[in-house]
PDB file of N, CA and C in Angstrom:
ATOM      1  N   UNK A   1       4.820  70.141 -98.792  1.00  0.00           N
ATOM      2  CA  UNK A   1       4.476  71.175 -99.678  1.00  0.00           C
ATOM      3  C   UNK A   1       4.172  70.150-100.926  1.00  0.00           C
ATOM      4  N   UNK A   2       2.642  70.571-101.207  1.00  0.00           N
ATOM      5  CA  UNK A   2       2.568  69.918-102.555  1.00  0.00           C
ATOM      6  C   UNK A   2       2.669  70.905-103.929  1.00  0.00           C
ATOM      7  N   UNK A   3       3.353  70.340-104.803  1.00  0.00           N
ATOM      8  CA  UNK A   3       3.367  71.071-106.029  1.00  0.00           C
ATOM      9  C   UNK A   3       2.956  70.236-106.828  1.00  0.00           C
ATOM     10  N   UNK A   4       2.721  71.074-108.153  1.00  0.00           N
ATOM     11  CA  UNK A   4       2.005  70.893-109.259  1.00  0.00           C
ATOM     12  C   UNK A   4       2.743  71.462-110.320  1.00  0.00           C
ATOM     13  N   UNK A   5       2.696  70.918-111.548  1.00  0.00           N
ATOM     14  CA  UNK A   5       3.220  71.586-112.854  1.00  0.00           C
ATOM     15  C   UNK A   5       2.411  71.942-113.822  1.00  0.00           C
ATOM     16  N   UNK A   6       2.390  73.168-114.382  1.00  0.00           N
ATOM     17  CA  UNK A   6       1.423  73.361-115.656  1.00  0.00           C
ATOM     18  C   UNK A   6       2.939  73.608-116.674  1.00  0.00           C
ATOM     19  N   UNK A   7       2.396  73.198-117.676  1.00  0.00           N
ATOM     20  CA  UNK A   7       3.249  73.476-119.006  1.00  0.00           C
ATOM     21  C   UNK A   7       2.689  73.763-120.055  1.00  0.00           C
ATOM     22  N   UNK A   8       3.019  74.499-121.078  1.00  0.00           N
ATOM     23  CA  UNK A   8       2.644  75.237-122.377  1.00  0.00           C
ATOM     24  C   UNK A   8       3.626  75.185-123.454  1.00  0.00           C
ATOM     25  N   UNK A   9       3.490  74.180-123.967  1.00  0.00           N
ATOM     26  CA  UNK A   9       3.889  74.159-125.265  1.00  0.00           C
ATOM     27  C   UNK A   9       3.597  74.980-126.415  1.00  0.00           C
ATOM     28  N   UNK A  10       4.188  75.780-126.846  1.00  0.00           N
ATOM     29  CA  UNK A  10       3.886  76.480-128.408  1.00  0.00           C
ATOM     30  C   UNK A  10       4.553  76.165-129.686  1.00  0.00           C
ATOM     31  N   UNK A  11       3.786  75.511-130.542  1.00  0.00           N
ATOM     32  CA  UNK A  11       5.021  75.623-131.667  1.00  0.00           C
ATOM     33  C   UNK A  11       4.962  76.522-132.389  1.00  0.00           C
ATOM     34  N   UNK A  12       5.785  76.777-133.181  1.00  0.00           N
ATOM     35  CA  UNK A  12       5.786  78.061-134.122  1.00  0.00           C
ATOM     36  C   UNK A  12       6.249  77.981-135.605  1.00  0.00           C
ATOM     37  N   UNK A  13       5.946  78.533-136.499  1.00  0.00           N
ATOM     38  CA  UNK A  13       5.407  78.656-137.877  1.00  0.00           C
ATOM     39  C   UNK A  13       7.430  79.029-138.076  1.00  0.00           C
ATOM     40  N   UNK A  14       7.754  79.294-139.710  1.00  0.00           N
ATOM     41  CA  UNK A  14       8.915  80.096-139.606  1.00  0.00           C
ATOM     42  C   UNK A  14       8.733  81.569-139.578  1.00  0.00           C
ATOM     43  N   UNK A  15       7.584  81.706-139.754  1.00  0.00           N
ATOM     44  CA  UNK A  15       7.121  83.427-138.924  1.00  0.00           C
ATOM     45  C   UNK A  15       7.000  83.385-137.622  1.00  0.00           C
ATOM     46  N   UNK A  16       6.989  82.610-136.898  1.00  0.00           N
ATOM     47  CA  UNK A  16       7.104  82.846-135.211  1.00  0.00           C
ATOM     48  C   UNK A  16       5.724  82.885-134.987  1.00  0.00           C
ATOM     49  N   UNK A  17       4.769  82.547-135.827  1.00  0.00           N
ATOM     50  CA  UNK A  17       3.015  82.649-135.245  1.00  0.00           C
ATOM     51  C   UNK A  17       3.251  81.177-134.607  1.00  0.00           C
ATOM     52  N   UNK A  18       2.362  80.938-133.759  1.00  0.00           N
ATOM     53  CA  UNK A  18       1.855  80.016-133.043  1.00  0.00           C
ATOM     54  C   UNK A  18       1.156  79.000-133.953  1.00  0.00           C
ATOM     55  N   UNK A  19       1.547  78.099-134.041  1.00  0.00           N
ATOM     56  CA  UNK A  19       1.019  76.614-134.804  1.00  0.00           C
ATOM     57  C   UNK A  19       0.054  75.802-134.312  1.00  0.00           C
ATOM     58  N   UNK A  20       0.456  75.573-133.119  1.00  0.00           N
ATOM     59  CA  UNK A  20      -0.028  74.694-132.156  1.00  0.00           C
ATOM     60  C   UNK A  20       0.304  75.027-130.792  1.00  0.00           C
ATOM     61  N   UNK A  21      -0.880  75.085-129.916  1.00  0.00           N
ATOM     62  CA  UNK A  21      -0.622  75.446-128.616  1.00  0.00           C
ATOM     63  C   UNK A  21      -1.110  74.115-127.943  1.00  0.00           C
ATOM     64  N   UNK A  22      -0.188  73.670-127.002  1.00  0.00           N
ATOM     65  CA  UNK A  22      -0.570  72.455-126.090  1.00  0.00           C
ATOM     66  C   UNK A  22      -0.100  72.561-124.435  1.00  0.00           C
ATOM     67  N   UNK A  23      -1.347  72.136-123.814  1.00  0.00           N
ATOM     68  CA  UNK A  23      -0.734  72.303-122.429  1.00  0.00           C
ATOM     69  C   UNK A  23      -1.241  71.397-121.419  1.00  0.00           C
ATOM     70  N   UNK A  24      -0.331  70.840-120.716  1.00  0.00           N
ATOM     71  CA  UNK A  24      -0.615  69.460-119.601  1.00  0.00           C
ATOM     72  C   UNK A  24      -0.391  69.831-118.369  1.00  0.00           C
ATOM     73  N   UNK A  25      -0.798  69.270-117.180  1.00  0.00           N
ATOM     74  CA  UNK A  25      -0.555  69.801-115.992  1.00  0.00           C
ATOM     75  C   UNK A  25      -0.620  68.121-114.942  1.00  0.00           C
ATOM     76  N   UNK A  26       0.285  68.384-114.273  1.00  0.00           N
ATOM     77  CA  UNK A  26       0.193  67.432-113.370  1.00  0.00           C
ATOM     78  C   UNK A  26      -0.932  67.149-112.716  1.00  0.00           C
ATOM     79  N   UNK A  27      -1.583  67.715-112.184  1.00  0.00           N
ATOM     80  CA  UNK A  27      -3.128  68.095-111.374  1.00  0.00           C
ATOM     81  C   UNK A  27      -4.127  67.374-112.133  1.00  0.00           C
ATOM     82  N   UNK A  28      -3.879  67.132-113.849  1.00  0.00           N
ATOM     83  CA  UNK A  28      -5.460  67.309-114.455  1.00  0.00           C
ATOM     84  C   UNK A  28      -5.716  65.639-114.860  1.00  0.00           C
ATOM     85  N   UNK A  29      -4.576  64.854-114.579  1.00  0.00           N
ATOM     86  CA  UNK A  29      -5.433  63.231-114.068  1.00  0.00           C
ATOM     87  C   UNK A  29      -5.150  62.533-115.393  1.00  0.00           C
ATOM     88  N   UNK A  30      -4.476  63.350-116.378  1.00  0.00           N
ATOM     89  CA  UNK A  30      -3.875  62.392-117.587  1.00  0.00           C
ATOM     90  C   UNK A  30      -2.551  62.939-117.388  1.00  0.00           C
ATOM     91  N   UNK A  31      -1.962  62.036-119.063  1.00  0.00           N
ATOM     92  CA  UNK A  31      -0.398  62.596-119.387  1.00  0.00           C
ATOM     93  C   UNK A  31      -0.890  63.289-120.549  1.00  0.00           C
ATOM     94  N   UNK A  32      -1.478  63.248-121.216  1.00  0.00           N
ATOM     95  CA  UNK A  32      -2.163  64.071-122.412  1.00  0.00           C
ATOM     96  C   UNK A  32      -1.222  65.371-122.746  1.00  0.00           C
ATOM     97  N   UNK A  33      -0.754  66.043-123.658  1.00  0.00           N
ATOM     98  CA  UNK A  33      -1.071  67.457-123.871  1.00  0.00           C
ATOM     99  C   UNK A  33      -2.047  67.426-124.699  1.00  0.00           C
ATOM    100  N   UNK A  34      -2.584  68.515-124.052  1.00  0.00           N
ATOM    101  CA  UNK A  34      -3.911  68.939-125.027  1.00  0.00           C
ATOM    102  C   UNK A  34      -3.771  69.872-125.864  1.00  0.00           C
ATOM    103  N   UNK A  35      -4.536  70.101-127.093  1.00  0.00           N
ATOM    104  CA  UNK A  35      -3.969  70.968-127.865  1.00  0.00           C
ATOM    105  C   UNK A  35      -5.504  72.129-127.436  1.00  0.00           C
ATOM    106  N   UNK A  36      -5.236  73.267-127.914  1.00  0.00           N
ATOM    107  CA  UNK A  36      -5.900  74.507-127.781  1.00  0.00           C
ATOM    108  C   UNK A  36      -5.537  75.341-128.593  1.00  0.00           C
ATOM    109  N   UNK A  37      -6.718  76.490-128.996  1.00  0.00           N
ATOM    110  CA  UNK A  37      -6.456  77.091-130.053  1.00  0.00           C
ATOM    111  C   UNK A  37      -6.162  78.196-129.758  1.00  0.00           C
ATOM    112  N   UNK A  38      -6.097  78.852-128.336  1.00  0.00           N
ATOM    113  CA  UNK A  38      -6.289  80.297-127.569  1.00  0.00           C
ATOM    114  C   UNK A  38      -5.822  80.420-126.161  1.00  0.00           C
ATOM    115  N   UNK A  39      -5.177  80.854-125.779  1.00  0.00           N
ATOM    116  CA  UNK A  39      -4.829  81.374-124.118  1.00  0.00           C
ATOM    117  C   UNK A  39      -4.588  82.622-124.185  1.00  0.00           C
ATOM    118  N   UNK A  40      -4.636  82.892-122.756  1.00  0.00           N
ATOM    119  CA  UNK A  40      -4.332  84.089-122.187  1.00  0.00           C
ATOM    120  C   UNK A  40      -4.039  84.095-120.596  1.00  0.00           C
ATOM    121  N   UNK A  41      -2.786  84.575-120.059  1.00  0.00           N
ATOM    122  CA  UNK A  41      -2.080  83.894-119.102  1.00  0.00           C
ATOM    123  C   UNK A  41      -1.999  85.571-118.343  1.00  0.00           C
ATOM    124  N   UNK A  42      -2.231  85.599-117.090  1.00  0.00           N
ATOM    125  CA  UNK A  42      -2.239  87.145-116.727  1.00  0.00           C
ATOM    126  C   UNK A  42      -1.273  86.717-115.596  1.00  0.00           C
ATOM    127  N   UNK A  43      -0.210  87.590-114.963  1.00  0.00           N
ATOM    128  CA  UNK A  43       0.659  87.170-113.640  1.00  0.00           C
ATOM    129  C   UNK A  43       0.858  88.706-113.466  1.00  0.00           C
ATOM    130  N   UNK A  44       0.423  88.365-111.856  1.00  0.00           N
ATOM    131  CA  UNK A  44       0.759  89.702-110.901  1.00  0.00           C
ATOM    132  C   UNK A  44       2.268  89.311-110.438  1.00  0.00           C
ATOM    133  N   UNK A  45       2.754  90.767-110.673  1.00  0.00           N
ATOM    134  CA  UNK A  45       4.387  90.974-110.239  1.00  0.00           C
ATOM    135  C   UNK A  45       4.061  91.801-109.124  1.00  0.00           C
ATOM    136  N   UNK A  46       4.437  91.124-107.898  1.00  0.00           N
ATOM    137  CA  UNK A  46       4.271  91.978-106.501  1.00  0.00           C
ATOM    138  C   UNK A  46       5.102  93.237-106.506  1.00  0.00           C
ATOM    139  N   UNK A  47       6.253  92.735-106.865  1.00  0.00           N
ATOM    140  CA  UNK A  47       7.624  93.913-106.536  1.00  0.00           C
ATOM    141  C   UNK A  47       7.502  94.876-107.280  1.00  0.00           C
ATOM    142  N   UNK A  48       6.895  94.862-108.678  1.00  0.00           N
ATOM    143  CA  UNK A  48       6.777  95.916-109.409  1.00  0.00           C
ATOM    144  C   UNK A  48       5.139  96.365-109.624  1.00  0.00           C
ATOM    145  N   UNK A  49       4.291  95.436-108.940  1.00  0.00           N
ATOM    146  CA  UNK A  49       3.317  96.221-108.710  1.00  0.00           C
ATOM    147  C   UNK A  49       2.488  96.360-109.950  1.00  0.00           C
ATOM    148  N   UNK A  50       2.291  95.280-111.267  1.00  0.00           N
ATOM    149  CA  UNK A  50       2.150  95.626-112.530  1.00  0.00           C
ATOM    150  C   UNK A  50       1.797  93.970-112.688  1.00  0.00           C
ATOM    151  N   UNK A  51       0.897  93.801-113.825  1.00  0.00           N
ATOM    152  CA  UNK A  51       0.837  92.367-114.843  1.00  0.00           C
ATOM    153  C   UNK A  51       1.521  92.200-115.433  1.00  0.00           C
ATOM    154  N   UNK A  52       1.674  90.980-115.678  1.00  0.00           N
ATOM    155  CA  UNK A  52       2.715  90.688-116.952  1.00  0.00           C
ATOM    156  C   UNK A  52       1.737  89.667-117.610  1.00  0.00           C
ATOM    157  N   UNK A  53       1.175  89.620-119.161  1.00  0.00           N
ATOM    158  CA  UNK A  53       0.195  88.672-119.902  1.00  0.00           C
ATOM    159  C   UNK A  53       1.237  88.287-120.659  1.00  0.00           C
ATOM    160  N   UNK A  54       0.842  87.200-121.236  1.00  0.00           N
ATOM    161  CA  UNK A  54       0.633  86.817-122.900  1.00  0.00           C
ATOM    162  C   UNK A  54      -0.337  86.238-123.143  1.00  0.00           C
ATOM    163  N   UNK A  55      -0.759  86.703-124.519  1.00  0.00           N
ATOM    164  CA  UNK A  55      -1.876  86.407-125.223  1.00  0.00           C
ATOM    165  C   UNK A  55      -1.701  85.725-126.248  1.00  0.00           C
ATOM    166  N   UNK A  56      -2.100  84.546-126.886  1.00  0.00           N
ATOM    167  CA  UNK A  56      -1.492  83.637-127.833  1.00  0.00           C
ATOM    168  C   UNK A  56      -2.974  83.371-128.243  1.00  0.00           C
ATOM    169  N   UNK A  57      -2.864  83.029-129.987  1.00  0.00           N
ATOM    170  CA  UNK A  57      -4.045  82.053-130.160  1.00  0.00           C
ATOM    171  C   UNK A  57      -3.000  81.853-131.635  1.00  0.00           C
ATOM    172  N   UNK A  58      -3.344  80.430-132.418  1.00  0.00           N
ATOM    173  CA  UNK A  58      -3.171  80.072-133.483  1.00  0.00           C
ATOM    174  C   UNK A  58      -4.062  80.604-134.502  1.00  0.00           C
ATOM    175  N   UNK A  59      -2.890  80.599-135.891  1.00  0.00           N
ATOM    176  CA  UNK A  59      -3.170  81.184-136.479  1.00  0.00           C
ATOM    177  C   UNK A  59      -4.765  80.810-137.420  1.00  0.00           C
ATOM    178  N   UNK A  60      -5.170  79.282-137.025  1.00  0.00           N
ATOM    179  CA  UNK A  60      -6.310  78.444-137.367  1.00  0.00           C
ATOM    180  C   UNK A  60      -7.701  78.883-136.491  1.00  0.00           C
ATOM    181  N   UNK A  61      -7.100  79.627-135.550  1.00  0.00           N
ATOM    182  CA  UNK A  61      -8.083  80.048-134.375  1.00  0.00           C
ATOM    183  C   UNK A  61      -9.736  80.819-135.202  1.00  0.00           C
ATOM    184  N   UNK A  62     -10.861  80.405-135.007  1.00  0.00           N
ATOM    185  CA  UNK A  62     -11.944  80.949-135.802  1.00  0.00           C
ATOM    186  C   UNK A  62     -12.460  81.787-135.165  1.00  0.00           C
ATOM    187  N   UNK A  63     -12.859  83.416-135.834  1.00  0.00           N
ATOM    188  CA  UNK A  63     -13.067  84.318-135.275  1.00  0.00           C
ATOM    189  C   UNK A  63     -14.111  84.258-134.437  1.00  0.00           C
ATOM    190  N   UNK A  64     -15.020  83.536-134.803  1.00  0.00           N
ATOM    191  CA  UNK A  64     -16.656  83.236-134.069  1.00  0.00           C
ATOM    192  C   UNK A  64     -16.135  82.462-132.591  1.00  0.00           C
ATOM    193  N   UNK A  65     -15.127  81.498-132.594  1.00  0.00           N
ATOM    194  CA  UNK A  65     -14.323  81.112-131.466  1.00  0.00           C
ATOM    195  C   UNK A  65     -13.889  81.672-130.480  1.00  0.00           C
ATOM    196  N   UNK A  66     -13.223  82.732-131.098  1.00  0.00           N
ATOM    197  CA  UNK A  66     -12.142  84.033-130.436  1.00  0.00           C
ATOM    198  C   UNK A  66     -13.399  84.844-129.795  1.00  0.00           C
ATOM    199  N   UNK A  67     -14.415  85.480-130.354  1.00  0.00           N
ATOM    200  CA  UNK A  67     -15.285  86.102-129.632  1.00  0.00           C
ATOM    201  C   UNK A  67     -15.779  85.606-128.659  1.00  0.00           C
ATOM    202  N   UNK A  68     -16.362  84.155-128.319  1.00  0.00           N
ATOM    203  CA  UNK A  68     -16.776  83.648-127.428  1.00  0.00           C
ATOM    204  C   UNK A  68     -15.572  83.346-126.179  1.00  0.00           C
ATOM    205  N   UNK A  69     -14.632  82.939-126.879  1.00  0.00           N
ATOM    206  CA  UNK A  69     -13.430  82.955-125.987  1.00  0.00           C
ATOM    207  C   UNK A  69     -13.059  84.513-125.031  1.00  0.00           C
ATOM    208  N   UNK A  70     -13.153  85.279-125.659  1.00  0.00           N
ATOM    209  CA  UNK A  70     -13.438  86.559-125.029  1.00  0.00           C
ATOM    210  C   UNK A  70     -14.313  86.944-124.021  1.00  0.00           C
ATOM    211  N   UNK A  71     -15.598  86.423-124.773  1.00  0.00           N
ATOM    212  CA  UNK A  71     -17.002  86.648-123.555  1.00  0.00           C
ATOM    213  C   UNK A  71     -16.914  85.722-122.389  1.00  0.00           C
ATOM    214  N   UNK A  72     -16.210  84.530-122.543  1.00  0.00           N
ATOM    215  CA  UNK A  72     -15.911  83.677-121.548  1.00  0.00           C
ATOM    216  C   UNK A  72     -15.275  84.232-120.438  1.00  0.00           C
ATOM    217  N   UNK A  73     -14.380  84.714-120.795  1.00  0.00           N
ATOM    218  CA  UNK A  73     -13.014  85.119-120.101  1.00  0.00           C
ATOM    219  C   UNK A  73     -13.456  86.251-119.124  1.00  0.00           C
ATOM    220  N   UNK A  74     -13.941  87.374-119.645  1.00  0.00           N
ATOM    221  CA  UNK A  74     -14.533  88.426-119.132  1.00  0.00           C
ATOM    222  C   UNK A  74     -15.585  87.586-118.447  1.00  0.00           C
ATOM    223  N   UNK A  75     -16.277  86.824-118.099  1.00  0.00           N
ATOM    224  CA  UNK A  75     -17.383  86.276-117.664  1.00  0.00           C
ATOM    225  C   UNK A  75     -16.665  86.003-116.351  1.00  0.00           C
ATOM    226  N   UNK A  76     -15.611  84.762-116.641  1.00  0.00           N
ATOM    227  CA  UNK A  76     -15.199  84.242-115.739  1.00  0.00           C
ATOM    228  C   UNK A  76     -14.336  85.107-114.864  1.00  0.00           C
ATOM    229  N   UNK A  77     -13.603  86.543-115.403  1.00  0.00           N
ATOM    230  CA  UNK A  77     -12.709  87.016-114.615  1.00  0.00           C
ATOM    231  C   UNK A  77     -13.904  87.940-113.507  1.00  0.00           C
ATOM    232  N   UNK A  78     -15.087  88.089-114.018  1.00  0.00           N
ATOM    233  CA  UNK A  78     -15.990  88.798-112.859  1.00  0.00           C
ATOM    234  C   UNK A  78     -16.094  87.754-111.811  1.00  0.00           C
ATOM    235  N   UNK A  79     -16.208  86.269-111.862  1.00  0.00           N
ATOM    236  CA  UNK A  79     -16.676  85.205-110.920  1.00  0.00           C
ATOM    237  C   UNK A  79     -15.129  85.251-109.807  1.00  0.00           C
ATOM    238  N   UNK A  80     -14.362  85.341-110.654  1.00  0.00           N
ATOM    239  CA  UNK A  80     -12.400  85.518-109.711  1.00  0.00           C
ATOM    240  C   UNK A  80     -12.854  86.646-108.970  1.00  0.00           C
ATOM    241  N   UNK A  81     -12.805  88.004-109.942  1.00  0.00           N
ATOM    242  CA  UNK A  81     -13.162  89.000-108.926  1.00  0.00           C
ATOM    243  C   UNK A  81     -13.923  88.860-107.562  1.00  0.00           C
ATOM    244  N   UNK A  82     -15.212  88.693-108.030  1.00  0.00           N
ATOM    245  CA  UNK A  82     -16.375  88.857-106.897  1.00  0.00           C
ATOM    246  C   UNK A  82     -15.545  87.734-105.924  1.00  0.00           C
ATOM    247  N   UNK A  83     -14.935  86.457-106.189  1.00  0.00           N
ATOM    248  CA  UNK A  83     -14.564  85.439-104.831  1.00  0.00           C
ATOM    249  C   UNK A  83     -13.172  86.137-104.036  1.00  0.00           C
ATOM    250  N   UNK A  84     -12.618  87.157-104.965  1.00  0.00           N
ATOM    251  CA  UNK A  84     -11.478  87.559-103.961  1.00  0.00           C
ATOM    252  C   UNK A  84     -11.453  88.888-103.551  1.00  0.00           C
ATOM    253  N   UNK A  85     -12.597  89.874-104.071  1.00  0.00           N
ATOM    254  CA  UNK A  85     -13.033  90.744-103.482  1.00  0.00           C
ATOM    255  C   UNK A  85     -14.108  90.936-102.460  1.00  0.00           C
ATOM    256  N   UNK A  86     -15.210  90.141-102.991  1.00  0.00           N
ATOM    257  CA  UNK A  86     -16.783  90.315-102.918  1.00  0.00           C
ATOM    258  C   UNK A  86     -17.364  91.764-103.285  1.00  0.00           C
ATOM    259  N   UNK A  87     -16.939  92.123-104.044  1.00  0.00           N
ATOM    260  CA  UNK A  87     -17.347  93.758-104.889  1.00  0.00           C
ATOM    261  C   UNK A  87     -18.378  93.211-105.715  1.00  0.00           C
ATOM    262  N   UNK A  88     -19.496  92.931-105.112  1.00  0.00           N
ATOM    263  CA  UNK A  88     -20.826  92.484-105.881  1.00  0.00           C
ATOM    264  C   UNK A  88     -21.445  93.467-106.793  1.00  0.00           C
ATOM    265  N   UNK A  89     -21.356  94.927-106.438  1.00  0.00           N
ATOM    266  CA  UNK A  89     -21.830  95.782-107.496  1.00  0.00           C
ATOM    267  C   UNK A  89     -21.181  96.214-108.892  1.00  0.00           C
ATOM    268  N   UNK A  90     -19.793  96.373-108.516  1.00  0.00           N
ATOM    269  CA  UNK A  90     -19.104  96.047-109.674  1.00  0.00           C
ATOM    270  C   UNK A  90     -19.113  94.346-110.759  1.00  0.00           C
ATOM    271  N   UNK A  91     -19.343  93.743-109.760  1.00  0.00           N
ATOM    272  CA  UNK A  91     -19.167  92.621-110.561  1.00  0.00           C
ATOM    273  C   UNK A  91     -20.537  92.284-111.744  1.00  0.00           C
ATOM    274  N   UNK A  92     -21.796  93.072-110.884  1.00  0.00           N
ATOM    275  CA  UNK A  92     -23.249  93.363-111.679  1.00  0.00           C
ATOM    276  C   UNK A  92     -23.066  94.209-112.854  1.00  0.00           C
ATOM    277  N   UNK A  93     -21.587  95.460-112.859  1.00  0.00           N
ATOM    278  CA  UNK A  93     -21.863  96.065-114.077  1.00  0.00           C
ATOM    279  C   UNK A  93     -21.116  95.206-115.008  1.00  0.00           C
ATOM    280  N   UNK A  94     -19.952  94.692-114.240  1.00  0.00           N
ATOM    281  CA  UNK A  94     -19.197  93.464-115.906  1.00  0.00           C
ATOM    282  C   UNK A  94     -20.126  92.675-116.040  1.00  0.00           C
ATOM    283  N   UNK A  95     -20.831  92.292-115.749  1.00  0.00           N
ATOM    284  CA  UNK A  95     -22.075  91.253-116.269  1.00  0.00           C
ATOM    285  C   UNK A  95     -22.885  91.430-116.737  1.00  0.00           C
ATOM    286  N   UNK A  96     -23.528  92.986-116.608  1.00  0.00           N
ATOM    287  CA  UNK A  96     -24.128  93.693-117.717  1.00  0.00           C
ATOM    288  C   UNK A  96     -23.107  94.130-119.178  1.00  0.00           C
ATOM    289  N   UNK A  97     -21.642  94.477-119.007  1.00  0.00           N
ATOM    290  CA  UNK A  97     -20.969  94.338-120.190  1.00  0.00           C
ATOM    291  C   UNK A  97     -20.818  93.365-120.577  1.00  0.00           C
ATOM    292  N   UNK A  98     -20.981  92.132-120.337  1.00  0.00           N
ATOM    293  CA  UNK A  98     -20.570  90.819-120.872  1.00  0.00           C
ATOM    294  C   UNK A  98     -21.676  90.699-121.845  1.00  0.00           C
ATOM    295  N   UNK A  99     -23.467  90.836-121.197  1.00  0.00           N
ATOM    296  CA  UNK A  99     -24.034  90.831-121.855  1.00  0.00           C
ATOM    297  C   UNK A  99     -24.306  91.590-123.197  1.00  0.00           C
ATOM    298  N   UNK A 100     -23.978  92.763-123.360  1.00  0.00           N
ATOM    299  CA  UNK A 100     -23.624  94.315-124.051  1.00  0.00           C
ATOM    300  C   UNK A 100     -22.571  93.390-125.190  1.00  0.00           C
ATOM    301  N   UNK A 101     -21.789  92.943-124.789  1.00  0.00           N
ATOM    302  CA  UNK A 101     -20.682  92.384-125.679  1.00  0.00           C
ATOM    303  C   UNK A 101     -21.122  91.255-126.270  1.00  0.00           C
ATOM    304  N   UNK A 102     -21.844  90.516-125.623  1.00  0.00           N
ATOM    305  CA  UNK A 102     -22.287  89.081-126.344  1.00  0.00           C
ATOM    306  C   UNK A 102     -23.324  89.622-127.632  1.00  0.00           C
ATOM    307  N   UNK A 103     -24.351  90.467-127.161  1.00  0.00           N
ATOM    308  CA  UNK A 103     -25.388  90.962-128.092  1.00  0.00           C
ATOM    309  C   UNK A 103     -24.368  91.822-129.328  1.00  0.00           C
ATOM    310  N   UNK A 104     -23.490  92.558-129.093  1.00  0.00           N
ATOM    311  CA  UNK A 104     -23.054  93.261-129.800  1.00  0.00           C
ATOM    312  C   UNK A 104     -22.094  92.059-131.178  1.00  0.00           C
ATOM    313  N   UNK A 105     -21.264  91.224-130.403  1.00  0.00           N
ATOM    314  CA  UNK A 105     -20.612  90.404-131.217  1.00  0.00           C
ATOM    315  C   UNK A 105     -21.439  88.990-131.693  1.00  0.00           C
ATOM    316  N   UNK A 106     -22.922  88.918-131.264  1.00  0.00           N
ATOM    317  CA  UNK A 106     -23.485  87.908-131.793  1.00  0.00           C
ATOM    318  C   UNK A 106     -23.851  86.337-131.274  1.00  0.00           C
ATOM    319  N   UNK A 107     -23.228  86.321-130.026  1.00  0.00           N
ATOM    320  CA  UNK A 107     -23.023  85.897-128.979  1.00  0.00           C
ATOM    321  C   UNK A 107     -24.632  85.342-128.333  1.00  0.00           C
ATOM    322  N   UNK A 108     -24.881  84.523-128.225  1.00  0.00           N
ATOM    323  CA  UNK A 108     -26.288  84.352-127.565  1.00  0.00           C
ATOM    324  C   UNK A 108     -25.742  83.415-126.301  1.00  0.00           C
ATOM    325  N   UNK A 109     -25.985  84.181-125.229  1.00  0.00           N
ATOM    326  CA  UNK A 109     -25.286  83.750-123.965  1.00  0.00           C
ATOM    327  C   UNK A 109     -26.371  82.271-123.298  1.00  0.00           C
ATOM    328  N   UNK A 110     -25.289  81.755-122.476  1.00  0.00           N
ATOM    329  CA  UNK A 110     -25.833  80.685-122.470  1.00  0.00           C
ATOM    330  C   UNK A 110     -25.697  79.122-123.375  1.00  0.00           C
ATOM    331  N   UNK A 111     -24.912  79.538-124.377  1.00  0.00           N
ATOM    332  CA  UNK A 111     -24.538  78.796-125.473  1.00  0.00           C
ATOM    333  C   UNK A 111     -23.320  77.743-125.408  1.00  0.00           C
TER     334      UNK A 111
END
C-alpha cells in the first residue's frame, strides 16, 4: 500500500491569529514548505455522519483574494460533486450561483 503525507503548519501570533500557513506534501515533487494565505479543509466523519471543517486565513489575506478564493472553491466543489455523484442538474444550478457570486463580488469569471 502506498502512503503519502500532507502537513500543514500554522504559525500563530501572540493573539493566536494565523500569521503564516505552510503546506507540504510527500507527493508534491519537492520538499519545500509552500506558503499560502488561506485554507479550507473539510473532512467527512463516517461514524457520526457529519462534516468537520477547518477554515484559516492569515491576517494579511487581501479581501479581493478571499473573494476569488471563495469563488474558485465553490466552482471546484461543483466539479467534485459532479464527479462523485453525476448530478448534472444541481451542478448547473451551482454554476449559475457561482456566476451570480462572481458578479456580486466584482470577480470577472475566467481571470
